[in-house]
Amino acid sequence: MIFNDWNMLRQNYEDGYNCLLNFDASMIKDGRYELQNGIYVNVDSYLTQSRESRRFEVHRNHIDIQYIVSGSELITIADVDGLIRETDYNAADDIIFYHNCFKGQDYYLTDGCFILIEAGLAHMPCISANGPRNVRKAVFKISV
């Protein structure tokens, strides 16, 4: 993705990081919450799944900061080139799904860890590392 306004992009990253630093998931229920400057967070609790049952997703207009509040999971990151599209782009949800091709780089996240996923990068979250685990996660969505 090409950006032509570095100051806006830098401000969006800083705003997202500040939201993460000041976030206290113990005080809120699962759901979507509007924060500041167009940033919102989705808080969700779930059981991780096998890699075989997951698929890649890509966002065009948002950067994700995926923060593990509790639990652990694998997140696989891959370049979208070479992936097979499963759905058309859904502009309302800013998402395209791609078939699971079992390639990419795995990242193991535990309590208090986060990963920043740039717009246009394929990612497969919610994967079980060593059997199903209960996870509570906050995904900060930052507009680009």
N, C-alpha and C. Protein backbone atom coordinates (compact mmCIF):
# COMPACT_ATOMS: atom_id res chain seq x y z
N MET A 1 0.85 -1.17 0.00
CA MET A 1 0.00 0.00 0.00
C MET A 1 0.90 1.24 0.00
N ILE A 2 0.53 2.23 -0.78
CA ILE A 2 1.30 3.46 -0.91
C ILE A 2 0.62 4.57 -0.13
N PHE A 3 1.40 5.28 0.68
CA PHE A 3 0.88 6.39 1.46
C PHE A 3 1.54 7.67 0.97
N ASN A 4 0.77 8.73 0.86
CA ASN A 4 1.35 10.00 0.42
C ASN A 4 1.31 11.07 1.51
N ASP A 5 0.79 10.73 2.66
CA ASP A 5 0.73 11.70 3.75
C ASP A 5 1.36 11.09 5.00
N TRP A 6 2.69 11.20 5.11
CA TRP A 6 3.41 10.60 6.21
C TRP A 6 2.94 11.12 7.56
N ASN A 7 2.66 12.42 7.66
CA ASN A 7 2.24 12.99 8.95
C ASN A 7 0.94 12.38 9.43
N MET A 8 -0.01 12.18 8.50
CA MET A 8 -1.29 11.57 8.89
C MET A 8 -1.07 10.12 9.32
N LEU A 9 -0.26 9.39 8.56
CA LEU A 9 0.00 7.99 8.90
C LEU A 9 0.70 7.89 10.25
N ARG A 10 1.71 8.72 10.48
CA ARG A 10 2.42 8.71 11.76
C ARG A 10 1.46 9.01 12.91
N GLN A 11 0.59 10.00 12.71
CA GLN A 11 -0.38 10.37 13.76
C GLN A 11 -1.33 9.20 14.03
N ASN A 12 -1.78 8.51 12.98
CA ASN A 12 -2.67 7.36 13.16
C ASN A 12 -1.98 6.26 13.97
N TYR A 13 -0.70 5.96 13.66
CA TYR A 13 0.04 4.97 14.43
C TYR A 13 0.18 5.40 15.89
N GLU A 14 0.54 6.65 16.11
CA GLU A 14 0.70 7.15 17.47
C GLU A 14 -0.62 7.10 18.23
N ASP A 15 -1.72 7.50 17.59
CA ASP A 15 -3.03 7.44 18.23
C ASP A 15 -3.38 6.00 18.60
N GLY A 16 -3.14 5.07 17.67
CA GLY A 16 -3.43 3.66 17.94
C GLY A 16 -2.60 3.12 19.08
N TYR A 17 -1.32 3.46 19.10
CA TYR A 17 -0.43 3.01 20.17
C TYR A 17 -0.87 3.58 21.52
N ASN A 18 -1.25 4.85 21.54
CA ASN A 18 -1.73 5.47 22.79
C ASN A 18 -3.02 4.82 23.27
N CYS A 19 -3.90 4.47 22.35
CA CYS A 19 -5.13 3.76 22.74
C CYS A 19 -4.78 2.42 23.39
N LEU A 20 -3.81 1.72 22.81
CA LEU A 20 -3.38 0.44 23.37
C LEU A 20 -2.80 0.63 24.76
N LEU A 21 -1.95 1.62 24.94
CA LEU A 21 -1.33 1.86 26.25
C LEU A 21 -2.34 2.17 27.33
N ASN A 22 -3.42 2.84 26.97
CA ASN A 22 -4.42 3.28 27.95
C ASN A 22 -5.62 2.34 28.03
N PHE A 23 -5.52 1.19 27.41
CA PHE A 23 -6.65 0.27 27.32
C PHE A 23 -6.68 -0.66 28.53
N ASP A 24 -7.87 -0.82 29.10
CA ASP A 24 -8.05 -1.74 30.23
C ASP A 24 -9.24 -2.64 29.91
N ALA A 25 -8.97 -3.82 29.38
CA ALA A 25 -10.03 -4.73 28.96
C ALA A 25 -10.83 -5.28 30.14
N SER A 26 -10.27 -5.22 31.34
CA SER A 26 -10.99 -5.76 32.49
C SER A 26 -12.22 -4.91 32.84
N MET A 27 -12.27 -3.71 32.30
CA MET A 27 -13.36 -2.79 32.62
C MET A 27 -14.51 -2.82 31.62
N ILE A 28 -14.37 -3.60 30.53
CA ILE A 28 -15.42 -3.58 29.50
C ILE A 28 -15.82 -4.99 29.08
N LYS A 29 -17.01 -5.08 28.50
CA LYS A 29 -17.52 -6.33 27.95
C LYS A 29 -17.05 -6.48 26.52
N ASP A 30 -17.17 -7.70 25.99
CA ASP A 30 -16.87 -7.91 24.58
C ASP A 30 -17.76 -7.02 23.72
N GLY A 31 -17.23 -6.54 22.62
CA GLY A 31 -18.00 -5.69 21.71
C GLY A 31 -17.09 -4.72 20.98
N ARG A 32 -17.73 -3.83 20.23
CA ARG A 32 -17.00 -2.80 19.49
C ARG A 32 -17.13 -1.47 20.22
N TYR A 33 -15.99 -0.76 20.32
CA TYR A 33 -15.96 0.52 21.01
C TYR A 33 -15.24 1.56 20.15
N GLU A 34 -15.89 2.69 19.94
CA GLU A 34 -15.28 3.81 19.22
C GLU A 34 -14.34 4.52 20.18
N LEU A 35 -13.13 4.83 19.72
CA LEU A 35 -12.15 5.47 20.57
C LEU A 35 -11.94 6.91 20.13
N GLN A 36 -10.87 7.20 19.46
CA GLN A 36 -10.58 8.58 19.05
C GLN A 36 -10.09 8.60 17.61
N ASN A 37 -10.29 9.69 16.93
CA ASN A 37 -9.76 9.92 15.59
C ASN A 37 -10.04 8.77 14.63
N GLY A 38 -11.26 8.21 14.69
CA GLY A 38 -11.65 7.14 13.78
C GLY A 38 -11.12 5.77 14.17
N ILE A 39 -10.43 5.67 15.29
CA ILE A 39 -9.93 4.38 15.76
C ILE A 39 -11.03 3.70 16.57
N TYR A 40 -11.18 2.40 16.35
CA TYR A 40 -12.11 1.64 17.19
C TYR A 40 -11.44 0.34 17.60
N VAL A 41 -12.02 -0.31 18.58
CA VAL A 41 -11.48 -1.58 19.07
C VAL A 41 -12.60 -2.60 19.15
N ASN A 42 -12.30 -3.80 18.69
CA ASN A 42 -13.19 -4.94 18.85
C ASN A 42 -12.61 -5.82 19.94
N VAL A 43 -13.38 -6.06 20.99
CA VAL A 43 -12.95 -6.92 22.08
C VAL A 43 -13.76 -8.21 21.97
N ASP A 44 -13.06 -9.34 22.01
CA ASP A 44 -13.73 -10.61 21.78
C ASP A 44 -13.10 -11.70 22.65
N SER A 45 -13.93 -12.64 23.10
CA SER A 45 -13.47 -13.83 23.82
C SER A 45 -13.87 -15.05 23.00
N TYR A 46 -12.94 -16.00 22.85
CA TYR A 46 -13.20 -17.15 21.99
C TYR A 46 -12.26 -18.29 22.33
N LEU A 47 -12.51 -19.43 21.72
CA LEU A 47 -11.67 -20.60 21.83
C LEU A 47 -10.88 -20.71 20.52
N THR A 48 -9.55 -20.84 20.61
CA THR A 48 -8.74 -20.96 19.40
C THR A 48 -9.14 -22.22 18.63
N GLN A 49 -8.81 -22.23 17.34
CA GLN A 49 -9.22 -23.31 16.45
C GLN A 49 -7.99 -23.91 15.76
N SER A 50 -8.20 -25.06 15.14
CA SER A 50 -7.11 -25.69 14.40
C SER A 50 -6.78 -24.86 13.17
N ARG A 51 -5.55 -24.93 12.73
CA ARG A 51 -5.13 -24.20 11.53
C ARG A 51 -5.99 -24.58 10.32
N GLU A 52 -6.36 -25.84 10.23
CA GLU A 52 -7.15 -26.32 9.09
C GLU A 52 -8.50 -25.64 8.97
N SER A 53 -9.05 -25.17 10.07
CA SER A 53 -10.38 -24.55 10.05
C SER A 53 -10.34 -23.03 9.83
N ARG A 54 -9.15 -22.47 9.75
CA ARG A 54 -9.01 -21.01 9.63
C ARG A 54 -8.77 -20.60 8.18
N ARG A 55 -8.86 -19.30 7.91
CA ARG A 55 -8.56 -18.76 6.58
C ARG A 55 -7.91 -17.40 6.74
N PHE A 56 -7.22 -16.97 5.71
CA PHE A 56 -6.56 -15.66 5.73
C PHE A 56 -7.57 -14.55 5.51
N GLU A 57 -7.29 -13.39 6.08
CA GLU A 57 -8.09 -12.19 5.86
C GLU A 57 -7.16 -11.03 5.54
N VAL A 58 -7.67 -10.08 4.78
CA VAL A 58 -6.90 -8.90 4.40
C VAL A 58 -7.82 -7.69 4.52
N HIS A 59 -7.27 -6.60 5.06
CA HIS A 59 -7.99 -5.33 5.16
C HIS A 59 -7.30 -4.31 4.26
N ARG A 60 -8.07 -3.52 3.56
CA ARG A 60 -7.51 -2.50 2.68
C ARG A 60 -7.34 -1.16 3.37
N ASN A 61 -8.26 -0.83 4.28
CA ASN A 61 -8.32 0.52 4.83
C ASN A 61 -7.99 0.63 6.31
N HIS A 62 -7.56 -0.47 6.92
CA HIS A 62 -7.25 -0.44 8.35
C HIS A 62 -5.99 -1.22 8.67
N ILE A 63 -5.24 -0.70 9.61
CA ILE A 63 -4.13 -1.40 10.24
C ILE A 63 -4.72 -2.05 11.49
N ASP A 64 -4.33 -3.28 11.76
CA ASP A 64 -4.73 -3.97 13.00
C ASP A 64 -3.60 -3.91 14.00
N ILE A 65 -3.95 -3.63 15.24
CA ILE A 65 -3.07 -3.94 16.36
C ILE A 65 -3.84 -5.00 17.15
N GLN A 66 -3.37 -6.24 17.09
CA GLN A 66 -4.04 -7.34 17.78
C GLN A 66 -3.31 -7.59 19.09
N TYR A 67 -4.04 -7.37 20.19
CA TYR A 67 -3.49 -7.41 21.54
C TYR A 67 -4.14 -8.55 22.32
N ILE A 68 -3.33 -9.47 22.82
CA ILE A 68 -3.83 -10.59 23.61
C ILE A 68 -3.98 -10.15 25.06
N VAL A 69 -5.22 -10.04 25.50
CA VAL A 69 -5.51 -9.68 26.88
C VAL A 69 -5.21 -10.87 27.79
N SER A 70 -5.69 -12.05 27.39
CA SER A 70 -5.39 -13.27 28.14
C SER A 70 -5.46 -14.46 27.20
N GLY A 71 -4.67 -15.47 27.51
CA GLY A 71 -4.62 -16.66 26.68
C GLY A 71 -3.42 -16.63 25.75
N SER A 72 -3.45 -17.49 24.74
CA SER A 72 -2.37 -17.53 23.77
C SER A 72 -2.91 -18.07 22.45
N GLU A 73 -2.27 -17.64 21.36
CA GLU A 73 -2.65 -18.12 20.04
C GLU A 73 -1.51 -17.90 19.06
N LEU A 74 -1.62 -18.57 17.93
CA LEU A 74 -0.75 -18.32 16.80
C LEU A 74 -1.48 -17.41 15.83
N ILE A 75 -0.72 -16.51 15.23
CA ILE A 75 -1.22 -15.69 14.13
C ILE A 75 -0.23 -15.89 12.98
N THR A 76 -0.74 -16.28 11.83
CA THR A 76 0.11 -16.47 10.66
C THR A 76 -0.01 -15.25 9.75
N ILE A 77 1.12 -14.74 9.30
CA ILE A 77 1.18 -13.58 8.42
C ILE A 77 1.75 -14.06 7.08
N ALA A 78 1.14 -13.61 5.98
CA ALA A 78 1.60 -14.01 4.65
C ALA A 78 1.41 -12.86 3.67
N ASP A 79 2.22 -12.87 2.63
CA ASP A 79 2.03 -11.93 1.52
C ASP A 79 0.81 -12.41 0.74
N VAL A 80 -0.03 -11.49 0.33
CA VAL A 80 -1.26 -11.85 -0.36
C VAL A 80 -0.99 -12.45 -1.75
N ASP A 81 0.17 -12.13 -2.33
CA ASP A 81 0.52 -12.71 -3.63
C ASP A 81 0.62 -14.22 -3.50
N GLY A 82 -0.04 -14.91 -4.38
CA GLY A 82 -0.01 -16.37 -4.35
C GLY A 82 -1.16 -16.99 -3.57
N LEU A 83 -1.91 -16.18 -2.82
CA LEU A 83 -3.07 -16.71 -2.12
C LEU A 83 -4.28 -16.75 -3.07
N ILE A 84 -5.20 -17.64 -2.81
CA ILE A 84 -6.39 -17.79 -3.64
C ILE A 84 -7.56 -17.11 -2.93
N ARG A 85 -8.14 -16.11 -3.62
CA ARG A 85 -9.26 -15.36 -3.04
C ARG A 85 -10.47 -16.27 -2.85
N GLU A 86 -11.10 -16.13 -1.69
CA GLU A 86 -12.30 -16.91 -1.37
C GLU A 86 -13.56 -16.07 -1.51
N THR A 87 -13.48 -14.78 -1.18
CA THR A 87 -14.64 -13.90 -1.24
C THR A 87 -14.27 -12.60 -1.95
N ASP A 88 -15.27 -11.89 -2.40
CA ASP A 88 -15.06 -10.54 -2.92
C ASP A 88 -14.82 -9.60 -1.75
N TYR A 89 -14.29 -8.43 -2.06
CA TYR A 89 -14.05 -7.42 -1.04
C TYR A 89 -15.38 -6.94 -0.47
N ASN A 90 -15.49 -6.92 0.85
CA ASN A 90 -16.66 -6.41 1.56
C ASN A 90 -16.26 -5.04 2.12
N ALA A 91 -16.70 -3.97 1.43
CA ALA A 91 -16.29 -2.61 1.82
C ALA A 91 -16.84 -2.23 3.20
N ALA A 92 -18.04 -2.68 3.53
CA ALA A 92 -18.64 -2.32 4.82
C ALA A 92 -17.79 -2.84 5.99
N ASP A 93 -17.23 -4.04 5.84
CA ASP A 93 -16.41 -4.64 6.89
C ASP A 93 -14.92 -4.54 6.60
N ASP A 94 -14.56 -3.95 5.45
CA ASP A 94 -13.16 -3.81 5.03
C ASP A 94 -12.42 -5.14 5.14
N ILE A 95 -12.92 -6.15 4.40
CA ILE A 95 -12.30 -7.47 4.51
C ILE A 95 -12.46 -8.26 3.22
N ILE A 96 -11.42 -9.03 2.92
CA ILE A 96 -11.43 -10.05 1.88
C ILE A 96 -10.88 -11.31 2.54
N PHE A 97 -11.50 -12.45 2.25
CA PHE A 97 -11.00 -13.72 2.77
C PHE A 97 -10.30 -14.50 1.67
N TYR A 98 -9.23 -15.20 2.08
CA TYR A 98 -8.45 -16.04 1.17
C TYR A 98 -8.38 -17.44 1.74
N HIS A 99 -8.28 -18.43 0.85
CA HIS A 99 -8.17 -19.83 1.29
C HIS A 99 -6.90 -20.03 2.11
N ASN A 100 -6.98 -20.98 3.01
CA ASN A 100 -5.84 -21.38 3.82
C ASN A 100 -4.89 -22.19 2.94
N CYS A 101 -3.66 -21.74 2.82
CA CYS A 101 -2.69 -22.44 1.97
C CYS A 101 -1.51 -22.96 2.78
N PHE A 102 -1.56 -22.82 4.08
CA PHE A 102 -0.53 -23.33 4.99
C PHE A 102 0.86 -22.75 4.71
N LYS A 103 0.89 -21.51 4.26
CA LYS A 103 2.19 -20.86 4.14
C LYS A 103 2.13 -19.54 4.90
N GLY A 104 3.29 -19.02 5.19
CA GLY A 104 3.37 -17.78 5.94
C GLY A 104 4.26 -17.96 7.16
N GLN A 105 4.37 -16.88 7.93
CA GLN A 105 5.21 -16.87 9.13
C GLN A 105 4.30 -16.89 10.36
N ASP A 106 4.54 -17.83 11.27
CA ASP A 106 3.76 -17.93 12.50
C ASP A 106 4.35 -17.04 13.59
N TYR A 107 3.46 -16.41 14.35
CA TYR A 107 3.83 -15.62 15.52
C TYR A 107 3.01 -16.11 16.69
N TYR A 108 3.69 -16.43 17.78
CA TYR A 108 3.03 -16.94 18.99
C TYR A 108 2.84 -15.77 19.95
N LEU A 109 1.59 -15.46 20.27
CA LEU A 109 1.28 -14.36 21.17
C LEU A 109 0.65 -14.88 22.45
N THR A 110 1.06 -14.31 23.58
CA THR A 110 0.52 -14.66 24.89
C THR A 110 0.06 -13.38 25.59
N ASP A 111 -0.39 -13.52 26.83
CA ASP A 111 -0.89 -12.40 27.62
C ASP A 111 0.00 -11.16 27.48
N GLY A 112 -0.60 -10.04 27.10
CA GLY A 112 0.12 -8.78 27.04
C GLY A 112 0.91 -8.54 25.77
N CYS A 113 0.96 -9.51 24.85
CA CYS A 113 1.68 -9.33 23.59
C CYS A 113 0.74 -8.73 22.54
N PHE A 114 1.36 -8.01 21.61
CA PHE A 114 0.56 -7.50 20.49
C PHE A 114 1.37 -7.58 19.20
N ILE A 115 0.63 -7.56 18.09
CA ILE A 115 1.25 -7.57 16.77
C ILE A 115 0.56 -6.50 15.92
N LEU A 116 1.35 -5.79 15.14
CA LEU A 116 0.82 -4.76 14.25
C LEU A 116 0.77 -5.36 12.84
N ILE A 117 -0.39 -5.33 12.22
CA ILE A 117 -0.58 -5.91 10.89
C ILE A 117 -1.00 -4.81 9.94
N GLU A 118 -0.15 -4.51 8.98
CA GLU A 118 -0.41 -3.43 8.04
C GLU A 118 -1.55 -3.77 7.09
N ALA A 119 -2.23 -2.75 6.60
CA ALA A 119 -3.27 -2.92 5.59
C ALA A 119 -2.66 -3.60 4.38
N GLY A 120 -3.40 -4.53 3.79
CA GLY A 120 -2.93 -5.24 2.61
C GLY A 120 -2.14 -6.49 2.89
N LEU A 121 -1.86 -6.77 4.17
CA LEU A 121 -1.09 -7.96 4.54
C LEU A 121 -2.06 -9.05 5.00
N ALA A 122 -1.91 -10.25 4.47
CA ALA A 122 -2.79 -11.36 4.85
C ALA A 122 -2.42 -11.87 6.23
N HIS A 123 -3.44 -12.15 7.02
CA HIS A 123 -3.20 -12.70 8.35
C HIS A 123 -4.30 -13.69 8.71
N MET A 124 -3.90 -14.70 9.48
CA MET A 124 -4.81 -15.74 9.93
C MET A 124 -4.69 -15.81 11.45
N PRO A 125 -5.61 -15.19 12.17
CA PRO A 125 -5.56 -15.19 13.64
C PRO A 125 -6.31 -16.39 14.23
N CYS A 126 -6.25 -16.48 15.55
CA CYS A 126 -7.09 -17.42 16.33
C CYS A 126 -6.71 -18.88 16.16
N ILE A 127 -5.44 -19.16 15.89
CA ILE A 127 -5.00 -20.53 15.67
C ILE A 127 -4.51 -21.13 16.98
N SER A 128 -4.91 -22.38 17.23
CA SER A 128 -4.44 -23.11 18.43
C SER A 128 -2.97 -23.45 18.28
N ALA A 129 -2.22 -23.20 19.34
CA ALA A 129 -0.80 -23.55 19.34
C ALA A 129 -0.60 -24.98 19.83
N ASN A 130 -1.20 -25.29 20.96
CA ASN A 130 -1.10 -26.63 21.56
C ASN A 130 -2.47 -27.04 22.07
N GLY A 131 -3.40 -27.19 21.17
CA GLY A 131 -4.77 -27.49 21.55
C GLY A 131 -5.56 -26.22 21.79
N PRO A 132 -6.87 -26.32 21.82
CA PRO A 132 -7.73 -25.14 21.99
C PRO A 132 -7.43 -24.40 23.29
N ARG A 133 -7.42 -23.07 23.21
CA ARG A 133 -7.18 -22.21 24.36
C ARG A 133 -8.24 -21.11 24.40
N ASN A 134 -8.65 -20.73 25.59
CA ASN A 134 -9.52 -19.56 25.74
C ASN A 134 -8.67 -18.31 25.58
N VAL A 135 -9.15 -17.40 24.75
CA VAL A 135 -8.43 -16.16 24.48
C VAL A 135 -9.38 -14.99 24.62
N ARG A 136 -8.87 -13.93 25.17
CA ARG A 136 -9.57 -12.64 25.14
C ARG A 136 -8.63 -11.68 24.43
N LYS A 137 -9.14 -11.07 23.37
CA LYS A 137 -8.29 -10.24 22.52
C LYS A 137 -8.99 -8.93 22.19
N ALA A 138 -8.17 -7.88 22.07
CA ALA A 138 -8.63 -6.58 21.61
C ALA A 138 -7.93 -6.29 20.28
N VAL A 139 -8.72 -6.00 19.26
CA VAL A 139 -8.17 -5.65 17.96
C VAL A 139 -8.47 -4.19 17.70
N PHE A 140 -7.41 -3.39 17.72
CA PHE A 140 -7.53 -1.95 17.44
C PHE A 140 -7.47 -1.76 15.94
N LYS A 141 -8.45 -1.03 15.38
CA LYS A 141 -8.53 -0.77 13.94
C LYS A 141 -8.19 0.69 13.71
N ILE A 142 -7.12 0.90 12.94
CA ILE A 142 -6.63 2.26 12.67
C ILE A 142 -6.77 2.54 11.19
N SER A 143 -7.49 3.59 10.85
CA SER A 143 -7.69 3.95 9.45
C SER A 143 -6.38 4.40 8.81
N VAL A 144 -6.22 4.04 7.55
CA VAL A 144 -5.04 4.51 6.79
C VAL A 144 -5.48 5.41 5.66
